[in-house]
């Protein structure tokens, strides 16, 4: 079962043209969160994490995991976590990479573009300076306000 808040968020995303992301959120929330298990099938505390275990011959092996239903009151937080992973973090990392590349070469941030078969398929808007992560920060703040039930700030 999907919470009312997550359904509302999904409708907003679909209306704004982010249906693929809305679908991913619905799928992930409905499937439940991954919980690592030990060899006996018992859950391992989440603080143990999803790191790989080293087995005696030195190889690494992923821990077995299972899906655990997400309680209704935790689903919005999980949806926000997914949005941060898909939107905020990549934007922050791109801005950071532009700043670092500039520091290593010309001394100021460089604009990155994605090119496929000699055609630019993605470029940040000219409204955003290379290395600028203000929109990622604003989106992250907005997502935090959604979780804390703070009233929305005025835009403008």
Foldseek 3Di string as FASTA:
>chain_A
DEAPVLVVVLVVCVVVPNNVLSVVLVVDLAQADKFFAAPVRHTDPCVVDFDWDQDPVGDTDTTDIGGDHDDNVCSLVVSLVSCCVVPLVVLLVQLVVQQVVCVVPVVGGDWDFDDDPNHTPDGDDPVADRSDNVVSVVVNVVSVCVNVVNDDDDDD
